[in-house]
Amino acid sequence: MTQIGIIDDEVLFRKGLCRLIEDIETANVLLEGNHGQDLLEQLEARKNAGQDLPDLLLLDLQMPVLNGVETAKILQEQYPAIKIIVLSSHFSKAFVLNMIEVGASAFMPKSAPPEEMEMTIQQVAQKGYFYSEQVMAIITENLRSKQKPKASFAVQLTPREKEVLQLICQQYTAQEIAEKLFISRRTVEGHRNNLLMKLNCRNIAGLVVFALQNQLVKVEPSQFW
């Protein structure tokens, strides 16, 4: 069961999302809040009480007290395991690239139909990220505009780690990678954790973007949708 937090100051919209998520068999609303500070206080209280934290957040950007962008930056530092699905009505190139930098695992327009929300939640829960055609077009355009990789790459990856990284970037789940490589899921998760540590990435979304930016994998944009 995927535990979800919904952070949005528009109460009617937030309550509507809660009702929609109630109809998803594999998801449950664990907490909801009005703004980023509200969320951080709830997370701190749950952590101190030994209670479960959400697996992913539906995070609005334009909120009072502490907006979504600043909240995402803090979450990246303090709660990197929590995946973030950004809620917004506007997706510019600069905005998308900035939110990926601060850890966004997916982007969802507020005008999206319920089935798109359900698919996005399921994809992020299973694979760690989900970038739509619109978002991948922005990432691809950004990569093409660069004359060389964003950063020099000196870390050595094993052949198996390279295989796992390639399949992660092709949006295969850990179980699917295990079946393709004839290894256990636990072994795949071990390689994935090693990749995160070696490449200094906090989550799968960051790992994918780093791999693309530094040309560590060969992936056609069409493989993301």
Protein backbone atom coordinates (compact mmCIF):
# COMPACT_ATOMS: atom_id res chain seq x y z
CA MET A 1 0.00 0.00 0.00
CA THR A 2 1.44 3.34 -1.08
CA GLN A 3 1.11 5.93 1.68
CA ILE A 4 0.43 9.40 0.31
CA GLY A 5 0.59 12.94 1.63
CA ILE A 6 -1.34 15.78 -0.05
CA ILE A 7 -0.10 19.32 0.52
CA ASP A 8 -2.25 22.07 -1.01
CA ASP A 9 -3.78 25.18 0.50
CA GLU A 10 -6.88 24.91 -1.72
CA VAL A 11 -9.00 22.85 0.64
CA LEU A 12 -11.71 21.83 -1.83
CA PHE A 13 -9.10 20.68 -4.34
CA ARG A 14 -7.19 18.78 -1.64
CA LYS A 15 -10.29 17.06 -0.33
CA GLY A 16 -11.23 16.13 -3.89
CA LEU A 17 -7.83 14.43 -4.33
CA CYS A 18 -8.37 12.56 -1.08
CA ARG A 19 -11.69 11.21 -2.32
CA LEU A 20 -10.15 10.16 -5.64
CA ILE A 21 -7.26 8.37 -3.94
CA GLU A 22 -9.74 6.47 -1.75
CA ASP A 23 -10.80 4.70 -4.95
CA ILE A 24 -7.26 3.49 -5.69
CA GLU A 25 -6.85 0.03 -4.15
CA THR A 26 -3.09 0.30 -3.79
CA ALA A 27 -2.94 3.80 -2.27
CA ASN A 28 -3.95 5.48 0.98
CA VAL A 29 -3.90 9.10 2.17
CA LEU A 30 -1.68 9.17 5.25
CA LEU A 31 -1.64 12.91 5.85
CA GLU A 32 -2.68 16.22 4.35
CA GLY A 33 -1.62 19.80 4.97
CA ASN A 34 -2.12 23.44 3.99
CA HIS A 35 1.49 24.42 3.24
CA GLY A 36 5.09 23.31 3.48
CA GLN A 37 5.61 24.28 7.11
CA ASP A 38 2.50 22.34 8.07
CA LEU A 39 3.93 19.31 6.26
CA LEU A 40 7.36 19.54 7.88
CA GLU A 41 5.83 19.79 11.35
CA GLN A 42 3.69 16.73 10.70
CA LEU A 43 6.65 14.75 9.36
CA GLU A 44 8.75 15.69 12.39
CA ALA A 45 5.96 14.68 14.78
CA ARG A 46 5.44 11.34 13.02
CA LYS A 47 9.18 10.63 12.96
CA ASN A 48 9.52 11.39 16.70
CA ALA A 49 6.53 9.17 17.47
CA GLY A 50 7.93 6.31 15.40
CA GLN A 51 5.01 6.49 12.96
CA ASP A 52 5.09 5.77 9.26
CA LEU A 53 6.04 8.55 6.84
CA PRO A 54 4.43 8.94 3.42
CA ASP A 55 6.01 7.16 0.46
CA LEU A 56 5.17 10.04 -1.83
CA LEU A 57 3.71 13.53 -1.74
CA LEU A 58 1.37 15.38 -4.03
CA LEU A 59 2.89 18.82 -3.54
CA ASP A 60 1.39 22.11 -4.68
CA LEU A 61 3.83 24.93 -5.44
CA GLN A 62 1.95 28.15 -4.75
CA MET A 63 1.20 28.01 -1.03
CA PRO A 64 1.44 30.49 1.87
CA VAL A 65 4.02 30.31 4.68
CA LEU A 66 6.35 27.88 2.86
CA ASN A 67 5.86 27.28 -0.86
CA GLY A 68 6.36 24.04 -2.74
CA VAL A 69 9.77 24.88 -4.21
CA GLU A 70 11.33 25.64 -0.82
CA THR A 71 9.55 22.67 0.72
CA ALA A 72 10.98 20.34 -1.94
CA LYS A 73 14.51 21.60 -1.22
CA ILE A 74 14.10 20.85 2.49
CA LEU A 75 12.58 17.44 1.79
CA GLN A 76 15.53 16.59 -0.46
CA GLU A 77 17.86 17.22 2.46
CA GLN A 78 15.86 15.84 5.37
CA TYR A 79 13.57 13.20 3.83
CA PRO A 80 15.17 12.07 0.53
CA ALA A 81 13.25 8.78 0.52
CA ILE A 82 9.91 10.59 0.08
CA LYS A 83 9.06 10.92 -3.60
CA ILE A 84 7.51 14.18 -4.82
CA ILE A 85 4.81 14.58 -7.45
CA VAL A 86 4.57 18.28 -8.27
CA LEU A 87 1.08 19.74 -8.70
CA SER A 88 0.88 22.83 -10.86
CA SER A 89 -1.03 24.52 -13.65
CA HIS A 90 2.09 25.82 -15.36
CA PHE A 91 5.20 23.99 -16.60
CA SER A 92 7.92 26.16 -18.13
CA LYS A 93 11.33 24.82 -19.13
CA ALA A 94 13.12 26.64 -16.31
CA PHE A 95 10.53 25.51 -13.78
CA VAL A 96 10.72 21.83 -14.79
CA LEU A 97 14.52 21.73 -14.78
CA ASN A 98 14.65 23.50 -11.42
CA MET A 99 12.17 21.11 -9.83
CA ILE A 100 14.05 18.08 -11.16
CA GLU A 101 17.18 19.52 -9.54
CA VAL A 102 15.41 19.66 -6.18
CA GLY A 103 14.07 16.13 -6.43
CA ALA A 104 10.73 16.05 -8.26
CA SER A 105 9.85 12.50 -9.32
CA ALA A 106 6.89 13.52 -11.49
CA PHE A 107 4.80 16.47 -12.60
CA MET A 108 1.00 16.50 -12.74
CA PRO A 109 -1.17 19.33 -14.10
CA LYS A 110 -4.03 20.29 -11.81
CA SER A 111 -6.30 19.90 -14.82
CA ALA A 112 -5.30 16.24 -15.28
CA PRO A 113 -8.08 13.61 -15.34
CA PRO A 114 -8.32 11.13 -12.41
CA GLU A 115 -6.92 8.25 -14.47
CA GLU A 116 -3.74 10.25 -15.18
CA MET A 117 -3.32 10.92 -11.47
CA GLU A 118 -3.72 7.22 -10.69
CA MET A 119 -1.21 6.23 -13.39
CA THR A 120 1.32 8.80 -12.18
CA ILE A 121 1.05 7.61 -8.59
CA GLN A 122 1.46 3.98 -9.63
CA GLN A 123 4.45 4.71 -11.89
CA VAL A 124 6.26 6.73 -9.22
CA ALA A 125 5.52 4.12 -6.54
CA GLN A 126 6.82 1.29 -8.73
CA LYS A 127 9.73 2.94 -10.57
CA GLY A 128 10.71 5.96 -8.49
CA TYR A 129 9.87 8.53 -11.16
CA PHE A 130 7.59 9.24 -14.11
CA TYR A 131 8.34 11.90 -16.70
CA SER A 132 5.63 12.62 -19.24
CA GLU A 133 6.23 13.33 -22.92
CA GLN A 134 6.10 17.07 -22.19
CA VAL A 135 8.69 16.83 -19.40
CA MET A 136 10.99 14.51 -21.36
CA ALA A 137 10.92 16.92 -24.31
CA ILE A 138 12.19 19.66 -21.99
CA ILE A 139 14.94 17.41 -20.58
CA THR A 140 15.97 16.30 -24.08
CA GLU A 141 16.09 19.87 -25.37
CA ASN A 142 18.22 20.86 -22.39
CA LEU A 143 20.65 18.01 -23.00
CA ARG A 144 20.97 18.83 -26.70
CA SER A 145 21.78 22.44 -25.89
CA LYS A 146 24.85 21.35 -23.94
CA GLN A 147 28.09 20.87 -25.83
CA LYS A 148 29.44 18.38 -23.33
CA PRO A 149 28.29 16.55 -20.19
CA LYS A 150 27.35 18.63 -17.21
CA ALA A 151 30.03 17.15 -14.99
CA SER A 152 33.22 15.15 -15.45
CA PHE A 153 32.69 11.48 -14.70
CA ALA A 154 35.47 9.70 -12.83
CA VAL A 155 33.57 7.06 -10.83
CA GLN A 156 34.00 3.53 -12.14
CA LEU A 157 30.86 1.43 -12.53
CA THR A 158 30.92 -2.34 -12.82
CA PRO A 159 29.44 -3.94 -15.95
CA ARG A 160 26.46 -5.12 -13.91
CA GLU A 161 25.89 -1.65 -12.45
CA LYS A 162 25.91 -0.25 -15.98
CA GLU A 163 23.31 -2.81 -17.03
CA VAL A 164 21.10 -1.98 -14.06
CA LEU A 165 21.48 1.77 -14.65
CA GLN A 166 20.52 1.38 -18.31
CA LEU A 167 17.36 -0.55 -17.40
CA ILE A 168 16.42 1.90 -14.63
CA CYS A 169 16.62 4.70 -17.19
CA GLN A 170 14.37 2.68 -19.49
CA GLN A 171 11.75 2.71 -16.70
CA TYR A 172 11.91 -0.96 -15.73
CA THR A 173 10.95 -1.84 -12.16
CA ALA A 174 13.32 -3.67 -9.82
CA GLN A 175 11.39 -6.92 -10.36
CA GLU A 176 11.47 -6.51 -14.14
CA ILE A 177 15.22 -5.84 -14.06
CA ALA A 178 15.73 -8.94 -11.92
CA GLU A 179 13.87 -11.06 -14.45
CA LYS A 180 15.77 -9.61 -17.40
CA LEU A 181 19.18 -10.13 -15.81
CA PHE A 182 18.32 -13.45 -14.10
CA ILE A 183 19.20 -12.16 -10.67
CA SER A 184 17.18 -11.59 -7.50
CA ARG A 185 15.24 -8.43 -6.78
CA ARG A 186 17.35 -7.93 -3.66
CA THR A 187 20.51 -8.00 -5.81
CA VAL A 188 18.99 -5.38 -8.12
CA GLU A 189 18.16 -3.18 -5.13
CA GLY A 190 21.74 -3.59 -3.92
CA HIS A 191 23.12 -2.42 -7.27
CA ARG A 192 20.64 0.46 -7.29
CA ASN A 193 21.75 1.58 -3.83
CA ASN A 194 25.41 1.36 -4.90
CA LEU A 195 24.63 3.55 -7.92
CA LEU A 196 22.92 6.14 -5.74
CA MET A 197 25.94 6.22 -3.44
CA LYS A 198 28.59 6.22 -6.16
CA LEU A 199 26.90 8.92 -8.23
CA ASN A 200 25.90 10.95 -5.17
CA CYS A 201 22.20 10.96 -6.07
CA ARG A 202 19.43 11.08 -3.50
CA ASN A 203 16.69 9.29 -5.43
CA ILE A 204 15.92 7.42 -8.63
CA ALA A 205 14.73 10.54 -10.45
CA GLY A 206 18.04 12.25 -9.73
CA LEU A 207 19.91 9.13 -10.81
CA VAL A 208 18.13 9.09 -14.18
CA VAL A 209 18.79 12.77 -14.86
CA PHE A 210 22.45 12.43 -13.83
CA ALA A 211 22.90 9.43 -16.13
CA LEU A 212 21.34 11.30 -19.06
CA GLN A 213 23.27 14.50 -18.44
CA ASN A 214 26.58 12.67 -18.24
CA GLN A 215 25.83 10.35 -21.16
CA LEU A 216 26.15 7.18 -19.08
CA VAL A 217 23.24 5.52 -20.88
CA LYS A 218 21.70 5.52 -24.32
CA VAL A 219 17.96 6.03 -24.10
CA GLU A 220 15.53 7.21 -26.75
CA PRO A 221 13.09 9.84 -25.45
CA SER A 222 10.19 7.67 -26.69
CA GLN A 223 11.10 5.09 -24.05
CA PHE A 224 9.84 7.43 -21.34
CA TRP A 225 6.20 7.37 -22.48
